[in-house]
PDB file of N, CA and C in Angstrom:
ATOM      1  N   UNK A   1      35.830  14.447  39.418  1.00  0.00           N
ATOM      2  CA  UNK A   1      36.364  13.599  38.359  1.00  0.00           C
ATOM      3  C   UNK A   1      37.712  12.974  38.739  1.00  0.00           C
ATOM      4  N   UNK A   2      38.574  13.836  39.306  1.00  0.00           N
ATOM      5  CA  UNK A   2      39.900  13.278  39.643  1.00  0.00           C
ATOM      6  C   UNK A   2      39.899  12.260  40.608  1.00  0.00           C
ATOM      7  N   UNK A   3      38.820  12.172  41.538  1.00  0.00           N
ATOM      8  CA  UNK A   3      38.763  11.135  42.563  1.00  0.00           C
ATOM      9  C   UNK A   3      38.588   9.620  41.982  1.00  0.00           C
ATOM     10  N   UNK A   4      38.038   9.594  40.792  1.00  0.00           N
ATOM     11  CA  UNK A   4      37.809   8.251  40.189  1.00  0.00           C
ATOM     12  C   UNK A   4      39.124   7.539  39.946  1.00  0.00           C
ATOM     13  N   UNK A   5      40.209   8.327  39.825  1.00  0.00           N
ATOM     14  CA  UNK A   5      41.442   7.781  39.420  1.00  0.00           C
ATOM     15  C   UNK A   5      42.148   7.206  40.655  1.00  0.00           C
ATOM     16  N   UNK A   6      41.768   7.416  41.740  1.00  0.00           N
ATOM     17  CA  UNK A   6      42.506   6.998  42.936  1.00  0.00           C
ATOM     18  C   UNK A   6      41.632   6.200  43.827  1.00  0.00           C
ATOM     19  N   UNK A   7      42.199   5.034  44.489  1.00  0.00           N
ATOM     20  CA  UNK A   7      41.337   4.086  45.149  1.00  0.00           C
ATOM     21  C   UNK A   7      41.589   4.146  46.733  1.00  0.00           C
ATOM     22  N   UNK A   8      42.819   4.341  47.041  1.00  0.00           N
ATOM     23  CA  UNK A   8      43.077   4.241  48.536  1.00  0.00           C
ATOM     24  C   UNK A   8      44.341   5.230  48.953  1.00  0.00           C
ATOM     25  N   UNK A   9      44.522   5.422  50.227  1.00  0.00           N
ATOM     26  CA  UNK A   9      45.643   6.182  50.617  1.00  0.00           C
ATOM     27  C   UNK A   9      46.598   5.095  51.211  1.00  0.00           C
ATOM     28  N   UNK A  10      47.875   5.293  50.905  1.00  0.00           N
ATOM     29  CA  UNK A  10      48.876   4.454  51.607  1.00  0.00           C
ATOM     30  C   UNK A  10      50.066   5.344  52.110  1.00  0.00           C
ATOM     31  N   UNK A  11      49.921   5.573  53.472  1.00  0.00           N
ATOM     32  CA  UNK A  11      50.891   6.538  54.035  1.00  0.00           C
ATOM     33  C   UNK A  11      50.446   7.910  53.602  1.00  0.00           C
ATOM     34  N   UNK A  12      51.334   8.651  52.995  1.00  0.00           N
ATOM     35  CA  UNK A  12      51.149   9.965  52.479  1.00  0.00           C
ATOM     36  C   UNK A  12      50.791  10.049  50.998  1.00  0.00           C
ATOM     37  N   UNK A  13      50.960   8.840  50.247  1.00  0.00           N
ATOM     38  CA  UNK A  13      50.793   8.785  48.837  1.00  0.00           C
ATOM     39  C   UNK A  13      49.509   8.096  48.446  1.00  0.00           C
ATOM     40  N   UNK A  14      48.955   8.612  47.432  1.00  0.00           N
ATOM     41  CA  UNK A  14      47.704   7.884  46.749  1.00  0.00           C
ATOM     42  C   UNK A  14      48.220   7.001  45.745  1.00  0.00           C
ATOM     43  N   UNK A  15      47.405   5.924  45.649  1.00  0.00           N
ATOM     44  CA  UNK A  15      47.805   4.836  44.652  1.00  0.00           C
ATOM     45  C   UNK A  15      46.763   4.942  43.553  1.00  0.00           C
ATOM     46  N   UNK A  16      47.248   5.064  42.227  1.00  0.00           N
ATOM     47  CA  UNK A  16      46.341   5.018  41.086  1.00  0.00           C
ATOM     48  C   UNK A  16      45.674   3.633  40.838  1.00  0.00           C
ATOM     49  N   UNK A  17      44.555   3.637  40.452  1.00  0.00           N
ATOM     50  CA  UNK A  17      43.908   2.433  40.129  1.00  0.00           C
ATOM     51  C   UNK A  17      44.403   1.865  38.849  1.00  0.00           C
ATOM     52  N   UNK A  18      44.323   0.524  38.614  1.00  0.00           N
ATOM     53  CA  UNK A  18      44.807  -0.080  37.493  1.00  0.00           C
ATOM     54  C   UNK A  18      43.811   0.137  36.248  1.00  0.00           C
ATOM     55  N   UNK A  19      44.505   0.444  35.161  1.00  0.00           N
ATOM     56  CA  UNK A  19      43.699   0.526  33.831  1.00  0.00           C
ATOM     57  C   UNK A  19      43.561  -0.802  33.242  1.00  0.00           C
ATOM     58  N   UNK A  20      42.416  -1.105  32.717  1.00  0.00           N
ATOM     59  CA  UNK A  20      42.170  -2.440  32.142  1.00  0.00           C
ATOM     60  C   UNK A  20      41.914  -2.361  30.642  1.00  0.00           C
ATOM     61  N   UNK A  21      42.018  -3.501  30.005  1.00  0.00           N
ATOM     62  CA  UNK A  21      41.610  -3.617  28.514  1.00  0.00           C
ATOM     63  C   UNK A  21      40.779  -4.855  28.489  1.00  0.00           C
ATOM     64  N   UNK A  22      39.750  -4.794  27.653  1.00  0.00           N
ATOM     65  CA  UNK A  22      38.783  -5.950  27.416  1.00  0.00           C
ATOM     66  C   UNK A  22      39.084  -6.351  26.093  1.00  0.00           C
ATOM     67  N   UNK A  23      39.230  -7.710  25.890  1.00  0.00           N
ATOM     68  CA  UNK A  23      39.471  -8.349  24.545  1.00  0.00           C
ATOM     69  C   UNK A  23      38.322  -9.159  24.205  1.00  0.00           C
ATOM     70  N   UNK A  24      37.667  -8.963  23.030  1.00  0.00           N
ATOM     71  CA  UNK A  24      36.667  -9.893  22.536  1.00  0.00           C
ATOM     72  C   UNK A  24      37.359 -10.977  21.696  1.00  0.00           C
ATOM     73  N   UNK A  25      37.138 -12.172  22.168  1.00  0.00           N
ATOM     74  CA  UNK A  25      37.828 -13.322  21.496  1.00  0.00           C
ATOM     75  C   UNK A  25      36.818 -14.408  20.899  1.00  0.00           C
ATOM     76  N   UNK A  26      37.365 -15.065  19.950  1.00  0.00           N
ATOM     77  CA  UNK A  26      36.534 -16.160  19.286  1.00  0.00           C
ATOM     78  C   UNK A  26      37.385 -17.410  19.202  1.00  0.00           C
ATOM     79  N   UNK A  27      36.815 -18.535  19.569  1.00  0.00           N
ATOM     80  CA  UNK A  27      37.490 -19.826  19.450  1.00  0.00           C
ATOM     81  C   UNK A  27      37.246 -20.489  18.197  1.00  0.00           C
ATOM     82  N   UNK A  28      38.245 -20.929  17.398  1.00  0.00           N
ATOM     83  CA  UNK A  28      38.178 -21.746  16.225  1.00  0.00           C
ATOM     84  C   UNK A  28      38.722 -23.067  16.485  1.00  0.00           C
ATOM     85  N   UNK A  29      37.731 -24.058  16.368  1.00  0.00           N
ATOM     86  CA  UNK A  29      38.134 -25.461  16.690  1.00  0.00           C
ATOM     87  C   UNK A  29      36.968 -26.257  16.591  1.00  0.00           C
ATOM     88  N   UNK A  30      37.150 -27.604  16.600  1.00  0.00           N
ATOM     89  CA  UNK A  30      35.930 -28.480  16.395  1.00  0.00           C
ATOM     90  C   UNK A  30      35.370 -28.960  17.855  1.00  0.00           C
ATOM     91  N   UNK A  31      36.060 -29.110  18.774  1.00  0.00           N
ATOM     92  CA  UNK A  31      35.557 -29.555  20.086  1.00  0.00           C
ATOM     93  C   UNK A  31      34.915 -28.497  20.882  1.00  0.00           C
ATOM     94  N   UNK A  32      33.801 -28.785  21.652  1.00  0.00           N
ATOM     95  CA  UNK A  32      33.272 -27.741  22.592  1.00  0.00           C
ATOM     96  C   UNK A  32      34.210 -27.443  23.699  1.00  0.00           C
ATOM     97  N   UNK A  33      34.362 -26.230  24.131  1.00  0.00           N
ATOM     98  CA  UNK A  33      35.142 -25.816  25.075  1.00  0.00           C
ATOM     99  C   UNK A  33      34.433 -24.946  26.225  1.00  0.00           C
ATOM    100  N   UNK A  34      34.756 -25.335  27.545  1.00  0.00           N
ATOM    101  CA  UNK A  34      34.020 -24.662  28.629  1.00  0.00           C
ATOM    102  C   UNK A  34      34.969 -23.455  29.092  1.00  0.00           C
ATOM    103  N   UNK A  35      34.398 -22.636  29.961  1.00  0.00           N
ATOM    104  CA  UNK A  35      34.988 -21.432  30.399  1.00  0.00           C
ATOM    105  C   UNK A  35      36.402 -21.781  31.108  1.00  0.00           C
ATOM    106  N   UNK A  36      36.391 -22.566  31.997  1.00  0.00           N
ATOM    107  CA  UNK A  36      37.696 -22.950  32.737  1.00  0.00           C
ATOM    108  C   UNK A  36      38.780 -23.431  31.829  1.00  0.00           C
ATOM    109  N   UNK A  37      38.356 -24.214  30.842  1.00  0.00           N
ATOM    110  CA  UNK A  37      39.428 -24.595  29.951  1.00  0.00           C
ATOM    111  C   UNK A  37      40.020 -23.529  29.074  1.00  0.00           C
ATOM    112  N   UNK A  38      39.202 -22.715  28.592  1.00  0.00           N
ATOM    113  CA  UNK A  38      39.685 -21.453  27.899  1.00  0.00           C
ATOM    114  C   UNK A  38      40.568 -20.626  28.750  1.00  0.00           C
ATOM    115  N   UNK A  39      40.201 -20.265  29.946  1.00  0.00           N
ATOM    116  CA  UNK A  39      41.060 -19.478  30.713  1.00  0.00           C
ATOM    117  C   UNK A  39      42.368 -20.096  31.079  1.00  0.00           C
ATOM    118  N   UNK A  40      42.330 -21.449  31.329  1.00  0.00           N
ATOM    119  CA  UNK A  40      43.508 -22.235  31.565  1.00  0.00           C
ATOM    120  C   UNK A  40      44.470 -22.224  30.393  1.00  0.00           C
ATOM    121  N   UNK A  41      43.923 -22.387  29.195  1.00  0.00           N
ATOM    122  CA  UNK A  41      44.731 -22.339  27.939  1.00  0.00           C
ATOM    123  C   UNK A  41      45.438 -21.027  27.860  1.00  0.00           C
ATOM    124  N   UNK A  42      44.748 -19.899  28.040  1.00  0.00           N
ATOM    125  CA  UNK A  42      45.287 -18.580  27.893  1.00  0.00           C
ATOM    126  C   UNK A  42      46.395 -18.320  29.027  1.00  0.00           C
ATOM    127  N   UNK A  43      46.054 -18.727  30.228  1.00  0.00           N
ATOM    128  CA  UNK A  43      47.064 -18.568  31.296  1.00  0.00           C
ATOM    129  C   UNK A  43      48.301 -19.425  31.084  1.00  0.00           C
ATOM    130  N   UNK A  44      48.099 -20.620  30.605  1.00  0.00           N
ATOM    131  CA  UNK A  44      49.172 -21.519  30.249  1.00  0.00           C
ATOM    132  C   UNK A  44      50.097 -20.898  29.288  1.00  0.00           C
ATOM    133  N   UNK A  45      49.471 -20.375  28.252  1.00  0.00           N
ATOM    134  CA  UNK A  45      50.318 -19.815  27.124  1.00  0.00           C
ATOM    135  C   UNK A  45      51.017 -18.545  27.644  1.00  0.00           C
ATOM    136  N   UNK A  46      50.480 -17.768  28.418  1.00  0.00           N
ATOM    137  CA  UNK A  46      51.156 -16.564  28.987  1.00  0.00           C
ATOM    138  C   UNK A  46      52.294 -17.031  29.865  1.00  0.00           C
ATOM    139  N   UNK A  47      52.076 -18.080  30.816  1.00  0.00           N
ATOM    140  CA  UNK A  47      53.213 -18.559  31.654  1.00  0.00           C
ATOM    141  C   UNK A  47      54.362 -19.104  30.779  1.00  0.00           C
ATOM    142  N   UNK A  48      53.977 -19.877  29.767  1.00  0.00           N
ATOM    143  CA  UNK A  48      54.965 -20.403  28.859  1.00  0.00           C
ATOM    144  C   UNK A  48      55.869 -19.359  28.141  1.00  0.00           C
ATOM    145  N   UNK A  49      55.269 -18.195  27.756  1.00  0.00           N
ATOM    146  CA  UNK A  49      56.046 -17.291  27.054  1.00  0.00           C
ATOM    147  C   UNK A  49      56.774 -16.296  27.942  1.00  0.00           C
ATOM    148  N   UNK A  50      56.057 -15.894  29.065  1.00  0.00           N
ATOM    149  CA  UNK A  50      56.497 -14.892  29.860  1.00  0.00           C
ATOM    150  C   UNK A  50      56.883 -15.161  31.396  1.00  0.00           C
ATOM    151  N   UNK A  51      56.648 -16.518  31.748  1.00  0.00           N
ATOM    152  CA  UNK A  51      57.014 -16.932  33.053  1.00  0.00           C
ATOM    153  C   UNK A  51      55.896 -16.465  34.167  1.00  0.00           C
ATOM    154  N   UNK A  52      56.119 -17.048  35.364  1.00  0.00           N
ATOM    155  CA  UNK A  52      55.273 -16.742  36.510  1.00  0.00           C
ATOM    156  C   UNK A  52      55.009 -15.217  36.714  1.00  0.00           C
ATOM    157  N   UNK A  53      56.215 -14.515  36.714  1.00  0.00           N
ATOM    158  CA  UNK A  53      56.136 -13.128  36.986  1.00  0.00           C
ATOM    159  C   UNK A  53      55.182 -12.406  35.906  1.00  0.00           C
ATOM    160  N   UNK A  54      55.672 -12.637  34.721  1.00  0.00           N
ATOM    161  CA  UNK A  54      54.730 -12.005  33.573  1.00  0.00           C
ATOM    162  C   UNK A  54      53.264 -12.400  33.645  1.00  0.00           C
ATOM    163  N   UNK A  55      52.998 -13.644  34.007  1.00  0.00           N
ATOM    164  CA  UNK A  55      51.681 -13.941  34.169  1.00  0.00           C
ATOM    165  C   UNK A  55      50.926 -13.292  35.212  1.00  0.00           C
ATOM    166  N   UNK A  56      51.706 -13.067  36.354  1.00  0.00           N
ATOM    167  CA  UNK A  56      51.106 -12.406  37.484  1.00  0.00           C
ATOM    168  C   UNK A  56      50.728 -10.886  37.243  1.00  0.00           C
ATOM    169  N   UNK A  57      51.510 -10.285  36.225  1.00  0.00           N
ATOM    170  CA  UNK A  57      51.190  -8.997  35.900  1.00  0.00           C
ATOM    171  C   UNK A  57      50.071  -8.735  34.898  1.00  0.00           C
ATOM    172  N   UNK A  58      49.610  -9.729  34.256  1.00  0.00           N
ATOM    173  CA  UNK A  58      48.509  -9.623  33.430  1.00  0.00           C
ATOM    174  C   UNK A  58      47.100  -9.401  34.016  1.00  0.00           C
ATOM    175  N   UNK A  59      46.955  -9.939  35.167  1.00  0.00           N
ATOM    176  CA  UNK A  59      45.628  -9.921  35.881  1.00  0.00           C
ATOM    177  C   UNK A  59      44.552 -10.372  35.006  1.00  0.00           C
ATOM    178  N   UNK A  60      44.560 -11.497  34.408  1.00  0.00           N
ATOM    179  CA  UNK A  60      43.552 -12.024  33.537  1.00  0.00           C
ATOM    180  C   UNK A  60      42.318 -12.381  34.290  1.00  0.00           C
ATOM    181  N   UNK A  61      41.157 -12.094  33.558  1.00  0.00           N
ATOM    182  CA  UNK A  61      39.875 -12.479  34.217  1.00  0.00           C
ATOM    183  C   UNK A  61      38.973 -12.723  33.016  1.00  0.00           C
ATOM    184  N   UNK A  62      38.203 -13.869  33.000  1.00  0.00           N
ATOM    185  CA  UNK A  62      37.145 -14.193  32.029  1.00  0.00           C
ATOM    186  C   UNK A  62      35.947 -13.415  32.545  1.00  0.00           C
ATOM    187  N   UNK A  63      35.401 -12.425  31.574  1.00  0.00           N
ATOM    188  CA  UNK A  63      34.240 -11.712  31.969  1.00  0.00           C
ATOM    189  C   UNK A  63      33.017 -12.357  31.528  1.00  0.00           C
ATOM    190  N   UNK A  64      32.870 -12.703  30.133  1.00  0.00           N
ATOM    191  CA  UNK A  64      31.775 -13.467  29.778  1.00  0.00           C
ATOM    192  C   UNK A  64      32.121 -14.515  28.807  1.00  0.00           C
ATOM    193  N   UNK A  65      31.289 -15.494  28.674  1.00  0.00           N
ATOM    194  CA  UNK A  65      31.552 -16.598  27.639  1.00  0.00           C
ATOM    195  C   UNK A  65      30.118 -16.923  27.083  1.00  0.00           C
ATOM    196  N   UNK A  66      30.110 -16.947  25.790  1.00  0.00           N
ATOM    197  CA  UNK A  66      28.853 -17.384  25.073  1.00  0.00           C
ATOM    198  C   UNK A  66      29.217 -18.704  24.257  1.00  0.00           C
ATOM    199  N   UNK A  67      28.914 -19.896  24.813  1.00  0.00           N
ATOM    200  CA  UNK A  67      29.349 -21.189  24.178  1.00  0.00           C
ATOM    201  C   UNK A  67      28.751 -21.405  22.834  1.00  0.00           C
ATOM    202  N   UNK A  68      27.528 -20.941  22.712  1.00  0.00           N
ATOM    203  CA  UNK A  68      26.883 -21.115  21.248  1.00  0.00           C
ATOM    204  C   UNK A  68      27.602 -20.456  20.105  1.00  0.00           C
ATOM    205  N   UNK A  69      28.126 -19.266  20.426  1.00  0.00           N
ATOM    206  CA  UNK A  69      28.843 -18.495  19.451  1.00  0.00           C
ATOM    207  C   UNK A  69      30.339 -18.682  19.543  1.00  0.00           C
ATOM    208  N   UNK A  70      30.716 -19.377  20.512  1.00  0.00           N
ATOM    209  CA  UNK A  70      32.180 -19.679  20.836  1.00  0.00           C
ATOM    210  C   UNK A  70      32.988 -18.371  20.995  1.00  0.00           C
ATOM    211  N   UNK A  71      32.322 -17.338  21.666  1.00  0.00           N
ATOM    212  CA  UNK A  71      32.935 -16.040  21.903  1.00  0.00           C
ATOM    213  C   UNK A  71      33.061 -15.901  23.425  1.00  0.00           C
ATOM    214  N   UNK A  72      34.084 -15.100  23.738  1.00  0.00           N
ATOM    215  CA  UNK A  72      34.325 -14.711  25.147  1.00  0.00           C
ATOM    216  C   UNK A  72      35.000 -13.450  25.261  1.00  0.00           C
ATOM    217  N   UNK A  73      34.833 -12.745  26.513  1.00  0.00           N
ATOM    218  CA  UNK A  73      35.588 -11.569  26.772  1.00  0.00           C
ATOM    219  C   UNK A  73      36.441 -11.846  27.941  1.00  0.00           C
ATOM    220  N   UNK A  74      37.672 -11.257  27.690  1.00  0.00           N
ATOM    221  CA  UNK A  74      38.838 -11.428  28.722  1.00  0.00           C
ATOM    222  C   UNK A  74      39.226 -10.016  29.131  1.00  0.00           C
ATOM    223  N   UNK A  75      39.578  -9.874  30.453  1.00  0.00           N
ATOM    224  CA  UNK A  75      40.052  -8.516  30.933  1.00  0.00           C
ATOM    225  C   UNK A  75      41.464  -8.828  31.255  1.00  0.00           C
ATOM    226  N   UNK A  76      42.333  -7.733  30.967  1.00  0.00           N
ATOM    227  CA  UNK A  76      43.794  -7.790  31.373  1.00  0.00           C
ATOM    228  C   UNK A  76      44.209  -6.384  31.695  1.00  0.00           C
ATOM    229  N   UNK A  77      45.454  -6.286  32.287  1.00  0.00           N
ATOM    230  CA  UNK A  77      46.058  -5.079  32.483  1.00  0.00           C
ATOM    231  C   UNK A  77      46.383  -4.422  31.222  1.00  0.00           C
ATOM    232  N   UNK A  78      46.186  -3.061  31.189  1.00  0.00           N
ATOM    233  CA  UNK A  78      46.483  -2.378  29.983  1.00  0.00           C
ATOM    234  C   UNK A  78      48.087  -2.314  29.558  1.00  0.00           C
ATOM    235  N   UNK A  79      48.994  -2.547  30.494  1.00  0.00           N
ATOM    236  CA  UNK A  79      50.336  -2.539  30.237  1.00  0.00           C
ATOM    237  C   UNK A  79      50.781  -3.988  29.659  1.00  0.00           C
ATOM    238  N   UNK A  80      49.988  -4.916  29.874  1.00  0.00           N
ATOM    239  CA  UNK A  80      50.286  -6.303  29.335  1.00  0.00           C
ATOM    240  C   UNK A  80      49.446  -6.702  28.117  1.00  0.00           C
ATOM    241  N   UNK A  81      48.801  -5.848  27.534  1.00  0.00           N
ATOM    242  CA  UNK A  81      47.787  -6.095  26.541  1.00  0.00           C
ATOM    243  C   UNK A  81      48.571  -6.791  25.314  1.00  0.00           C
ATOM    244  N   UNK A  82      49.634  -6.292  24.946  1.00  0.00           N
ATOM    245  CA  UNK A  82      50.405  -6.864  23.712  1.00  0.00           C
ATOM    246  C   UNK A  82      50.917  -8.227  24.087  1.00  0.00           C
ATOM    247  N   UNK A  83      51.412  -8.400  25.330  1.00  0.00           N
ATOM    248  CA  UNK A  83      51.851  -9.697  25.688  1.00  0.00           C
ATOM    249  C   UNK A  83      50.741 -10.811  25.771  1.00  0.00           C
ATOM    250  N   UNK A  84      49.515 -10.370  26.253  1.00  0.00           N
ATOM    251  CA  UNK A  84      48.414 -11.250  26.270  1.00  0.00           C
ATOM    252  C   UNK A  84      47.992 -11.625  24.873  1.00  0.00           C
ATOM    253  N   UNK A  85      48.021 -10.618  23.946  1.00  0.00           N
ATOM    254  CA  UNK A  85      47.674 -10.884  22.487  1.00  0.00           C
ATOM    255  C   UNK A  85      48.628 -11.849  21.844  1.00  0.00           C
ATOM    256  N   UNK A  86      50.016 -11.750  22.264  1.00  0.00           N
ATOM    257  CA  UNK A  86      50.909 -12.696  21.693  1.00  0.00           C
ATOM    258  C   UNK A  86      50.719 -14.025  22.129  1.00  0.00           C
ATOM    259  N   UNK A  87      50.384 -14.181  23.604  1.00  0.00           N
ATOM    260  CA  UNK A  87      50.129 -15.491  24.092  1.00  0.00           C
ATOM    261  C   UNK A  87      48.862 -16.123  23.567  1.00  0.00           C
ATOM    262  N   UNK A  88      47.854 -15.365  23.207  1.00  0.00           N
ATOM    263  CA  UNK A  88      46.680 -15.885  22.604  1.00  0.00           C
ATOM    264  C   UNK A  88      46.885 -16.301  21.121  1.00  0.00           C
ATOM    265  N   UNK A  89      47.784 -15.623  20.401  1.00  0.00           N
ATOM    266  CA  UNK A  89      48.090 -15.886  19.027  1.00  0.00           C
ATOM    267  C   UNK A  89      49.030 -17.156  19.016  1.00  0.00           C
ATOM    268  N   UNK A  90      49.660 -17.566  20.093  1.00  0.00           N
ATOM    269  CA  UNK A  90      50.476 -18.759  20.097  1.00  0.00           C
ATOM    270  C   UNK A  90      49.759 -20.103  20.525  1.00  0.00           C
ATOM    271  N   UNK A  91      48.448 -19.977  20.791  1.00  0.00           N
ATOM    272  CA  UNK A  91      47.704 -21.108  21.164  1.00  0.00           C
ATOM    273  C   UNK A  91      47.325 -21.860  19.956  1.00  0.00           C
ATOM    274  N   UNK A  92      47.722 -23.156  19.896  1.00  0.00           N
ATOM    275  CA  UNK A  92      47.465 -24.035  18.694  1.00  0.00           C
ATOM    276  C   UNK A  92      46.659 -25.170  19.095  1.00  0.00           C
ATOM    277  N   UNK A  93      46.486 -25.396  20.342  1.00  0.00           N
ATOM    278  CA  UNK A  93      45.606 -26.476  20.794  1.00  0.00           C
ATOM    279  C   UNK A  93      44.998 -26.227  22.134  1.00  0.00           C
ATOM    280  N   UNK A  94      43.867 -26.759  22.359  1.00  0.00           N
ATOM    281  CA  UNK A  94      43.221 -26.710  23.670  1.00  0.00           C
ATOM    282  C   UNK A  94      42.766 -28.074  23.993  1.00  0.00           C
ATOM    283  N   UNK A  95      43.187 -28.568  25.127  1.00  0.00           N
ATOM    284  CA  UNK A  95      42.918 -29.877  25.670  1.00  0.00           C
ATOM    285  C   UNK A  95      43.474 -31.091  24.701  1.00  0.00           C
ATOM    286  N   UNK A  96      44.572 -30.663  24.005  1.00  0.00           N
ATOM    287  CA  UNK A  96      45.184 -31.677  23.174  1.00  0.00           C
ATOM    288  C   UNK A  96      44.597 -31.688  21.649  1.00  0.00           C
ATOM    289  N   UNK A  97      43.603 -30.878  21.511  1.00  0.00           N
ATOM    290  CA  UNK A  97      42.879 -30.874  20.126  1.00  0.00           C
ATOM    291  C   UNK A  97      43.283 -29.578  19.450  1.00  0.00           C
ATOM    292  N   UNK A  98      43.362 -29.574  18.159  1.00  0.00           N
ATOM    293  CA  UNK A  98      43.721 -28.372  17.392  1.00  0.00           C
ATOM    294  C   UNK A  98      42.674 -27.347  17.578  1.00  0.00           C
ATOM    295  N   UNK A  99      43.086 -26.154  17.965  1.00  0.00           N
ATOM    296  CA  UNK A  99      42.225 -25.008  18.171  1.00  0.00           C
ATOM    297  C   UNK A  99      43.079 -23.584  17.975  1.00  0.00           C
ATOM    298  N   UNK A 100      42.325 -22.620  17.790  1.00  0.00           N
ATOM    299  CA  UNK A 100      42.950 -21.292  17.712  1.00  0.00           C
ATOM    300  C   UNK A 100      41.965 -20.255  18.373  1.00  0.00           C
ATOM    301  N   UNK A 101      42.570 -19.189  18.944  1.00  0.00           N
ATOM    302  CA  UNK A 101      41.806 -18.084  19.431  1.00  0.00           C
ATOM    303  C   UNK A 101      42.006 -16.843  18.726  1.00  0.00           C
ATOM    304  N   UNK A 102      41.054 -16.206  18.258  1.00  0.00           N
ATOM    305  CA  UNK A 102      41.219 -14.986  17.361  1.00  0.00           C
ATOM    306  C   UNK A 102      40.743 -13.718  18.213  1.00  0.00           C
ATOM    307  N   UNK A 103      41.467 -12.650  18.151  1.00  0.00           N
ATOM    308  CA  UNK A 103      41.128 -11.504  18.739  1.00  0.00           C
ATOM    309  C   UNK A 103      40.186 -10.730  17.816  1.00  0.00           C
ATOM    310  N   UNK A 104      38.875 -10.439  18.263  1.00  0.00           N
ATOM    311  CA  UNK A 104      37.846  -9.791  17.373  1.00  0.00           C
ATOM    312  C   UNK A 104      37.949  -8.249  17.665  1.00  0.00           C
ATOM    313  N   UNK A 105      38.274  -7.912  18.867  1.00  0.00           N
ATOM    314  CA  UNK A 105      38.235  -6.429  19.259  1.00  0.00           C
ATOM    315  C   UNK A 105      38.957  -6.236  20.568  1.00  0.00           C
ATOM    316  N   UNK A 106      39.361  -5.040  20.757  1.00  0.00           N
ATOM    317  CA  UNK A 106      39.916  -4.622  22.043  1.00  0.00           C
ATOM    318  C   UNK A 106      39.426  -3.137  22.331  1.00  0.00           C
ATOM    319  N   UNK A 107      39.070  -3.029  23.607  1.00  0.00           N
ATOM    320  CA  UNK A 107      38.659  -1.628  24.213  1.00  0.00           C
ATOM    321  C   UNK A 107      38.953  -1.428  25.658  1.00  0.00           C
ATOM    322  N   UNK A 108      38.809  -0.271  26.133  1.00  0.00           N
ATOM    323  CA  UNK A 108      39.028   0.074  27.494  1.00  0.00           C
ATOM    324  C   UNK A 108      37.765  -0.011  28.307  1.00  0.00           C
ATOM    325  N   UNK A 109      36.625  -0.229  27.600  1.00  0.00           N
ATOM    326  CA  UNK A 109      35.363  -0.382  28.379  1.00  0.00           C
ATOM    327  C   UNK A 109      34.472  -1.427  27.714  1.00  0.00           C
ATOM    328  N   UNK A 110      33.695  -2.153  28.495  1.00  0.00           N
ATOM    329  CA  UNK A 110      32.837  -3.102  27.950  1.00  0.00           C
ATOM    330  C   UNK A 110      31.730  -2.558  27.013  1.00  0.00           C
ATOM    331  N   UNK A 111      31.373  -1.365  27.221  1.00  0.00           N
ATOM    332  CA  UNK A 111      30.393  -0.670  26.485  1.00  0.00           C
ATOM    333  C   UNK A 111      30.983  -0.399  25.066  1.00  0.00           C
ATOM    334  N   UNK A 112      32.140   0.099  24.976  1.00  0.00           N
ATOM    335  CA  UNK A 112      32.848   0.448  23.682  1.00  0.00           C
ATOM    336  C   UNK A 112      33.069  -0.936  22.896  1.00  0.00           C
ATOM    337  N   UNK A 113      33.615  -1.988  23.720  1.00  0.00           N
ATOM    338  CA  UNK A 113      33.778  -3.256  23.010  1.00  0.00           C
ATOM    339  C   UNK A 113      32.473  -3.838  22.434  1.00  0.00           C
ATOM    340  N   UNK A 114      31.317  -3.746  23.088  1.00  0.00           N
ATOM    341  CA  UNK A 114      30.127  -4.215  22.562  1.00  0.00           C
ATOM    342  C   UNK A 114      29.682  -3.477  21.347  1.00  0.00           C
ATOM    343  N   UNK A 115      30.127  -2.208  21.105  1.00  0.00           N
ATOM    344  CA  UNK A 115      29.814  -1.459  19.894  1.00  0.00           C
ATOM    345  C   UNK A 115      30.681  -1.939  18.729  1.00  0.00           C
ATOM    346  N   UNK A 116      31.923  -2.347  19.031  1.00  0.00           N
ATOM    347  CA  UNK A 116      32.936  -2.647  18.097  1.00  0.00           C
ATOM    348  C   UNK A 116      32.595  -4.210  17.426  1.00  0.00           C
ATOM    349  N   UNK A 117      32.072  -5.052  18.299  1.00  0.00           N
ATOM    350  CA  UNK A 117      31.897  -6.340  17.895  1.00  0.00           C
ATOM    351  C   UNK A 117      30.458  -6.595  17.509  1.00  0.00           C
TER     352      UNK A 117
END
């Protein structure tokens, strides 16, 4: 069990793997939005609030996107979760059109997230 927390050896020290959080999100707005545009909007908001350094620490990745339901799942570093949520809350437009992104749920695993939403 303890081996799962370590990924590689570096010299004499082991490095712990990064913990992640998954956010279930929903887009509120009139225009259709694609995956790339959503991720760009979130990343731009993170950069605007926390700079390049803060954005690099978030390790954002789009996991799934369901355009019909306008829902998507985003993965980020557990240490940056609150900053990512703040950046998402500050989004007021996507591609120049009014829009908002709402956090539906947060979890440490995709399985638990699917149960919550």
